[in-house]
């Protein structure tokens, strides 16, 4: 049996930076607070928690004073920084540069918006990154998850469209086409492609990888939007694709009498976890 780990899978640069900053701080202290899961992978979160990383909520942030808090790659709204300043909290900012650039562009659009112009964000409502983006507009941006969500717009008013960095390029273009189809002739419509190509460019490579193997084990945390999206791309190419969070979820019948197995994952999936999946596959083989 051939078992191959996709070399392009694993942490994106933003996640790598966030984890490196957390580890550097934990090397010199035994405690660091992180606002939300540092990455949408419970195994990696548990590994860092064992070193002293404490995951907190926004409610927790209000009760902390004089501590260090890491902001993960997803980014935060201005209100988070204001709370930290008021509470004498030392911020370790690991916001992804791509997200920071997007936040800046949306803030600039909001500050110079024309009367009645709608700022629209194609993304997952409630997602940490999206919350940070909406915060740049003082909560006024309209978040749409799919074409059906466009019913919330007024197509007689000007529209500017942005996207969460990890959404699909195809979905974004679908949004553009639908808005152009439905808007009034006098409505001014702008769109800014803000999708991270480090994520989007993985799609063709990942689809090719999925096609090369009989079975695909896609490793990702259940909370990862990016993981669900990339899993869908794999499954579209290879119906024998299984979504797992850790090696214990592998069902032996998935890999019985199979000649080729591919292991891949999301931008929030650590390499060491995919290696554990490979090792578990070898253990489950009759001669393993």
Protein backbone atom coordinates (compact mmCIF):
# COMPACT_ATOMS: atom_id res chain seq x y z
CA UNK A 1 0.00 0.00 0.00
CA UNK A 2 1.18 3.52 -0.86
CA UNK A 3 0.46 6.20 1.74
CA UNK A 4 1.30 9.78 0.77
CA UNK A 5 1.00 13.06 2.69
CA UNK A 6 0.23 16.07 0.52
CA UNK A 7 3.32 18.27 0.75
CA UNK A 8 1.31 21.47 0.15
CA UNK A 9 -1.16 20.85 2.98
CA UNK A 10 -0.76 22.27 6.45
CA UNK A 11 -0.46 25.63 8.14
CA UNK A 12 -0.65 28.80 6.07
CA UNK A 13 1.85 31.58 6.81
CA UNK A 14 -0.59 33.44 9.07
CA UNK A 15 -1.10 30.42 11.32
CA UNK A 16 2.62 29.62 11.36
CA UNK A 17 3.36 33.15 12.56
CA UNK A 18 0.69 33.05 15.27
CA UNK A 19 1.94 29.74 16.66
CA UNK A 20 5.57 30.89 16.52
CA UNK A 21 4.72 34.04 18.49
CA UNK A 22 2.83 31.97 21.06
CA UNK A 23 5.70 29.53 21.45
CA UNK A 24 8.27 32.33 21.77
CA UNK A 25 6.30 33.90 24.59
CA UNK A 26 5.70 30.56 26.32
CA UNK A 27 9.44 29.85 26.16
CA UNK A 28 9.99 32.78 28.53
CA UNK A 29 6.84 32.55 30.64
CA UNK A 30 4.45 29.86 31.79
CA UNK A 31 1.23 31.59 30.77
CA UNK A 32 -0.17 33.42 27.75
CA UNK A 33 -3.79 34.21 27.04
CA UNK A 34 -5.18 33.79 23.53
CA UNK A 35 -8.42 35.41 22.41
CA UNK A 36 -10.24 32.45 20.86
CA UNK A 37 -8.68 29.21 19.62
CA UNK A 38 -5.29 30.07 18.16
CA UNK A 39 -6.10 27.73 15.28
CA UNK A 40 -9.23 25.75 14.40
CA UNK A 41 -7.63 22.44 15.31
CA UNK A 42 -8.31 21.01 18.76
CA UNK A 43 -5.19 18.83 18.81
CA UNK A 44 -2.87 21.77 18.15
CA UNK A 45 -4.77 23.87 20.70
CA UNK A 46 -4.34 21.14 23.30
CA UNK A 47 -0.62 20.91 22.56
CA UNK A 48 -0.16 24.63 23.20
CA UNK A 49 -2.45 24.58 26.23
CA UNK A 50 -0.15 21.97 27.77
CA UNK A 51 2.61 24.58 27.52
CA UNK A 52 0.56 27.29 29.23
CA UNK A 53 -1.60 28.85 26.54
CA UNK A 54 -5.02 29.78 27.95
CA UNK A 55 -7.88 30.29 25.51
CA UNK A 56 -10.27 33.08 26.54
CA UNK A 57 -13.45 34.67 25.22
CA UNK A 58 -14.24 38.33 24.64
CA UNK A 59 -16.20 38.32 27.91
CA UNK A 60 -13.09 37.05 29.70
CA UNK A 61 -11.05 39.86 28.17
CA UNK A 62 -13.09 42.49 29.99
CA UNK A 63 -12.20 40.97 33.36
CA UNK A 64 -8.44 40.66 32.75
CA UNK A 65 -5.91 43.32 33.71
CA UNK A 66 -2.16 43.67 33.28
CA UNK A 67 -1.66 40.40 31.36
CA UNK A 68 -0.42 39.42 27.89
CA UNK A 69 -3.02 38.43 25.29
CA UNK A 70 -2.28 37.06 21.83
CA UNK A 71 -4.57 38.03 18.97
CA UNK A 72 -4.68 35.17 16.48
CA UNK A 73 -4.36 35.37 12.69
CA UNK A 74 -8.10 35.99 12.14
CA UNK A 75 -7.87 39.59 13.37
CA UNK A 76 -10.03 41.61 15.74
CA UNK A 77 -12.32 44.66 15.58
CA UNK A 78 -11.20 48.03 17.00
CA UNK A 79 -13.26 47.43 20.15
CA UNK A 80 -10.89 44.65 21.21
CA UNK A 81 -7.89 46.96 21.10
CA UNK A 82 -9.84 49.57 23.06
CA UNK A 83 -10.64 47.05 25.79
CA UNK A 84 -7.02 45.95 25.97
CA UNK A 85 -5.82 49.53 26.32
CA UNK A 86 -8.35 50.29 29.05
CA UNK A 87 -7.35 47.17 30.99
CA UNK A 88 -3.58 47.66 30.62
CA UNK A 89 -3.34 44.45 28.58
CA UNK A 90 -0.18 43.85 26.56
CA UNK A 91 -1.28 42.75 23.08
CA UNK A 92 0.81 40.29 21.07
CA UNK A 93 -0.69 40.87 17.66
CA UNK A 94 -0.51 37.87 15.32
CA UNK A 95 -3.13 39.10 12.88
CA UNK A 96 -2.34 37.82 9.40
CA UNK A 97 -0.93 40.61 7.18
CA UNK A 98 -3.48 39.71 4.49
CA UNK A 99 -6.31 40.23 6.98
CA UNK A 100 -4.77 43.46 8.28
CA UNK A 101 -4.62 44.83 4.73
CA UNK A 102 -8.26 43.89 4.18
CA UNK A 103 -9.31 45.54 7.45
CA UNK A 104 -7.55 48.73 6.37
CA UNK A 105 -9.25 48.75 2.95
CA UNK A 106 -12.69 48.22 4.46
CA UNK A 107 -12.11 50.97 7.02
CA UNK A 108 -11.05 53.34 4.26
CA UNK A 109 -14.17 52.46 2.25
CA UNK A 110 -16.33 53.08 5.29
CA UNK A 111 -14.72 56.45 6.03
CA UNK A 112 -15.16 57.71 2.47
CA UNK A 113 -18.43 55.96 1.61
CA UNK A 114 -20.99 57.82 -0.43
CA UNK A 115 -24.41 58.51 1.16
CA UNK A 116 -26.39 55.28 1.32
CA UNK A 117 -23.57 53.08 0.01
CA UNK A 118 -23.69 49.51 1.30
CA UNK A 119 -20.48 47.75 2.32
CA UNK A 120 -21.00 44.03 1.74
CA UNK A 121 -18.77 41.21 2.97
CA UNK A 122 -19.00 37.77 1.42
CA UNK A 123 -18.21 35.51 4.36
CA UNK A 124 -19.45 33.37 7.20
CA UNK A 125 -21.60 35.31 9.65
CA UNK A 126 -20.07 35.16 13.14
CA UNK A 127 -16.65 33.98 11.93
CA UNK A 128 -13.80 35.61 13.85
CA UNK A 129 -12.27 37.21 10.76
CA UNK A 130 -15.65 38.49 9.60
CA UNK A 131 -16.37 39.97 13.03
CA UNK A 132 -13.12 41.89 12.77
CA UNK A 133 -14.02 43.14 9.30
CA UNK A 134 -17.52 44.24 10.32
CA UNK A 135 -15.94 46.06 13.25
CA UNK A 136 -14.13 48.33 10.81
CA UNK A 137 -17.54 49.67 9.75
CA UNK A 138 -18.89 50.17 13.27
CA UNK A 139 -21.14 47.17 12.69
CA UNK A 140 -22.81 48.52 9.56
CA UNK A 141 -21.42 46.12 6.93
CA UNK A 142 -23.83 43.54 5.52
CA UNK A 143 -22.52 39.95 5.69
CA UNK A 144 -23.78 37.54 3.02
CA UNK A 145 -22.95 33.84 3.13
CA UNK A 146 -24.44 32.87 -0.21
CA UNK A 147 -26.46 34.20 -3.14
CA UNK A 148 -29.68 33.86 -1.13
CA UNK A 149 -28.25 36.31 1.39
CA UNK A 150 -28.21 39.03 -1.26
CA UNK A 151 -31.94 39.47 -0.67
CA UNK A 152 -30.92 41.65 2.28
CA UNK A 153 -29.44 44.29 -0.04
CA UNK A 154 -31.13 47.31 -1.53
CA UNK A 155 -30.22 47.12 -5.20
CA UNK A 156 -31.21 50.73 -5.73
CA UNK A 157 -28.33 51.87 -3.49
CA UNK A 158 -24.60 51.80 -4.26
CA UNK A 159 -22.75 48.62 -3.29
CA UNK A 160 -19.10 47.76 -2.64
CA UNK A 161 -18.30 44.08 -2.19
CA UNK A 162 -15.41 42.51 -0.25
CA UNK A 163 -14.69 38.92 0.71
CA UNK A 164 -13.49 37.04 3.75
CA UNK A 165 -9.94 35.99 2.84
CA UNK A 166 -10.62 32.25 2.91
CA UNK A 167 -13.75 32.13 0.75
CA UNK A 168 -13.72 30.50 -2.68
CA UNK A 169 -12.92 32.52 -5.79
CA UNK A 170 -15.79 30.75 -7.57
CA UNK A 171 -18.26 31.78 -4.88
CA UNK A 172 -17.04 35.38 -4.99
CA UNK A 173 -17.48 35.57 -8.75
CA UNK A 174 -20.96 34.11 -8.37
CA UNK A 175 -21.78 36.97 -5.98
CA UNK A 176 -20.47 39.52 -8.48
CA UNK A 177 -22.57 38.11 -11.32
CA UNK A 178 -25.73 38.04 -9.23
CA UNK A 179 -25.32 41.60 -7.96
CA UNK A 180 -24.64 42.85 -11.48
CA UNK A 181 -27.75 41.05 -12.68
CA UNK A 182 -30.03 42.45 -9.96
CA UNK A 183 -28.78 45.98 -9.42
CA UNK A 184 -30.57 48.98 -10.86
CA UNK A 185 -28.97 50.60 -13.94
CA UNK A 186 -28.03 53.69 -11.93
CA UNK A 187 -26.57 51.76 -9.01
CA UNK A 188 -22.80 52.07 -8.67
CA UNK A 189 -21.27 48.67 -7.95
CA UNK A 190 -17.63 48.06 -7.00
CA UNK A 191 -15.93 44.87 -5.87
CA UNK A 192 -12.50 44.16 -4.44
CA UNK A 193 -11.07 40.65 -4.66
CA UNK A 194 -9.58 40.14 -1.20
CA UNK A 195 -9.34 36.34 -1.21
CA UNK A 196 -6.00 34.98 0.03
CA UNK A 197 -4.33 33.25 -2.88
CA UNK A 198 -2.26 31.09 -0.55
CA UNK A 199 -5.54 29.35 0.26
CA UNK A 200 -7.24 29.66 -3.12
CA UNK A 201 -4.20 28.38 -5.03
CA UNK A 202 -4.31 25.16 -3.04
CA UNK A 203 -7.53 24.10 -4.74
CA UNK A 204 -6.18 22.91 -8.13
CA UNK A 205 -3.22 21.18 -6.48
CA UNK A 206 -5.44 19.53 -3.89
CA UNK A 207 -7.92 18.34 -6.52
CA UNK A 208 -5.08 16.81 -8.49
CA UNK A 209 -3.77 15.10 -5.34
CA UNK A 210 -7.23 13.69 -4.54
CA UNK A 211 -7.51 12.23 -8.03
CA UNK A 212 -4.21 10.36 -7.64
CA UNK A 213 -5.38 8.12 -4.78
CA UNK A 214 -8.11 5.57 -4.18
CA UNK A 215 -8.90 6.94 -0.72
CA UNK A 216 -8.33 10.39 0.75
CA UNK A 217 -8.21 11.11 4.47
CA UNK A 218 -8.78 14.83 4.93
CA UNK A 219 -7.55 15.97 8.34
CA UNK A 220 -9.06 19.11 9.84
CA UNK A 221 -10.69 20.60 12.90
CA UNK A 222 -14.48 20.62 12.82
CA UNK A 223 -14.56 24.39 13.37
CA UNK A 224 -12.44 25.21 10.34
CA UNK A 225 -14.37 26.91 7.52
CA UNK A 226 -11.31 26.52 5.33
CA UNK A 227 -11.23 22.83 6.17
CA UNK A 228 -14.83 22.23 5.16
CA UNK A 229 -14.28 24.11 1.92
CA UNK A 230 -11.11 22.20 0.96
CA UNK A 231 -12.66 18.89 2.02
CA UNK A 232 -15.53 19.61 -0.37
CA UNK A 233 -13.07 20.17 -3.20
CA UNK A 234 -11.41 16.80 -2.48
CA UNK A 235 -14.74 14.99 -2.21
CA UNK A 236 -15.91 16.51 -5.49
CA UNK A 237 -12.97 14.82 -7.24
CA UNK A 238 -12.83 11.66 -5.14
CA UNK A 239 -16.04 10.42 -3.42
CA UNK A 240 -13.87 8.13 -1.27
CA UNK A 241 -12.74 11.15 0.77
CA UNK A 242 -13.23 11.01 4.54
CA UNK A 243 -13.15 13.95 6.93
CA UNK A 244 -11.33 13.17 10.19
CA UNK A 245 -10.04 15.30 13.06
CA UNK A 246 -7.51 12.82 14.42
CA UNK A 247 -6.16 9.28 13.82
CA UNK A 248 -8.67 7.66 16.19
CA UNK A 249 -11.49 8.44 13.75
CA UNK A 250 -10.10 6.22 10.99
CA UNK A 251 -12.41 3.30 10.23
CA UNK A 252 -10.47 0.18 9.18
CA UNK A 253 -12.98 -0.67 6.44
CA UNK A 254 -12.17 2.64 4.70
CA UNK A 255 -8.64 1.47 3.94
CA UNK A 256 -9.04 -2.28 3.55
CA UNK A 257 -7.96 -3.70 0.19
CA UNK A 258 -6.79 -0.29 -0.96
CA UNK A 259 -3.58 0.28 -2.88
CA UNK A 260 -3.21 4.04 -2.50
CA UNK A 261 -4.16 6.45 0.30
CA UNK A 262 -3.64 10.20 0.30
CA UNK A 263 -3.52 12.34 3.45
CA UNK A 264 -4.14 16.08 3.24
CA UNK A 265 -5.57 18.87 5.34
CA UNK A 266 -6.60 22.47 5.88
CA UNK A 267 -4.48 25.56 6.45
CA UNK A 268 -5.13 24.95 10.17
CA UNK A 269 -3.91 21.33 10.14
CA UNK A 270 -0.46 20.72 11.68
CA UNK A 271 1.99 18.52 9.83
CA UNK A 272 2.57 16.38 12.92
CA UNK A 273 -1.11 15.43 12.99
CA UNK A 274 -1.07 14.26 9.37
CA UNK A 275 2.01 12.22 10.21
CA UNK A 276 0.12 10.61 13.10
CA UNK A 277 -2.66 9.68 10.65
CA UNK A 278 -0.06 8.05 8.39
CA UNK A 279 1.35 6.09 11.34
CA UNK A 280 -2.14 4.95 12.36
CA UNK A 281 -2.83 3.69 8.83
CA UNK A 282 0.35 1.62 9.00
CA UNK A 283 -0.71 0.20 12.38
CA UNK A 284 -4.06 -0.87 10.97
CA UNK A 285 -2.50 -2.86 8.15
CA UNK A 286 -2.33 -6.64 8.67
CA UNK A 287 1.46 -6.52 8.50
CA UNK A 288 1.66 -3.10 10.28
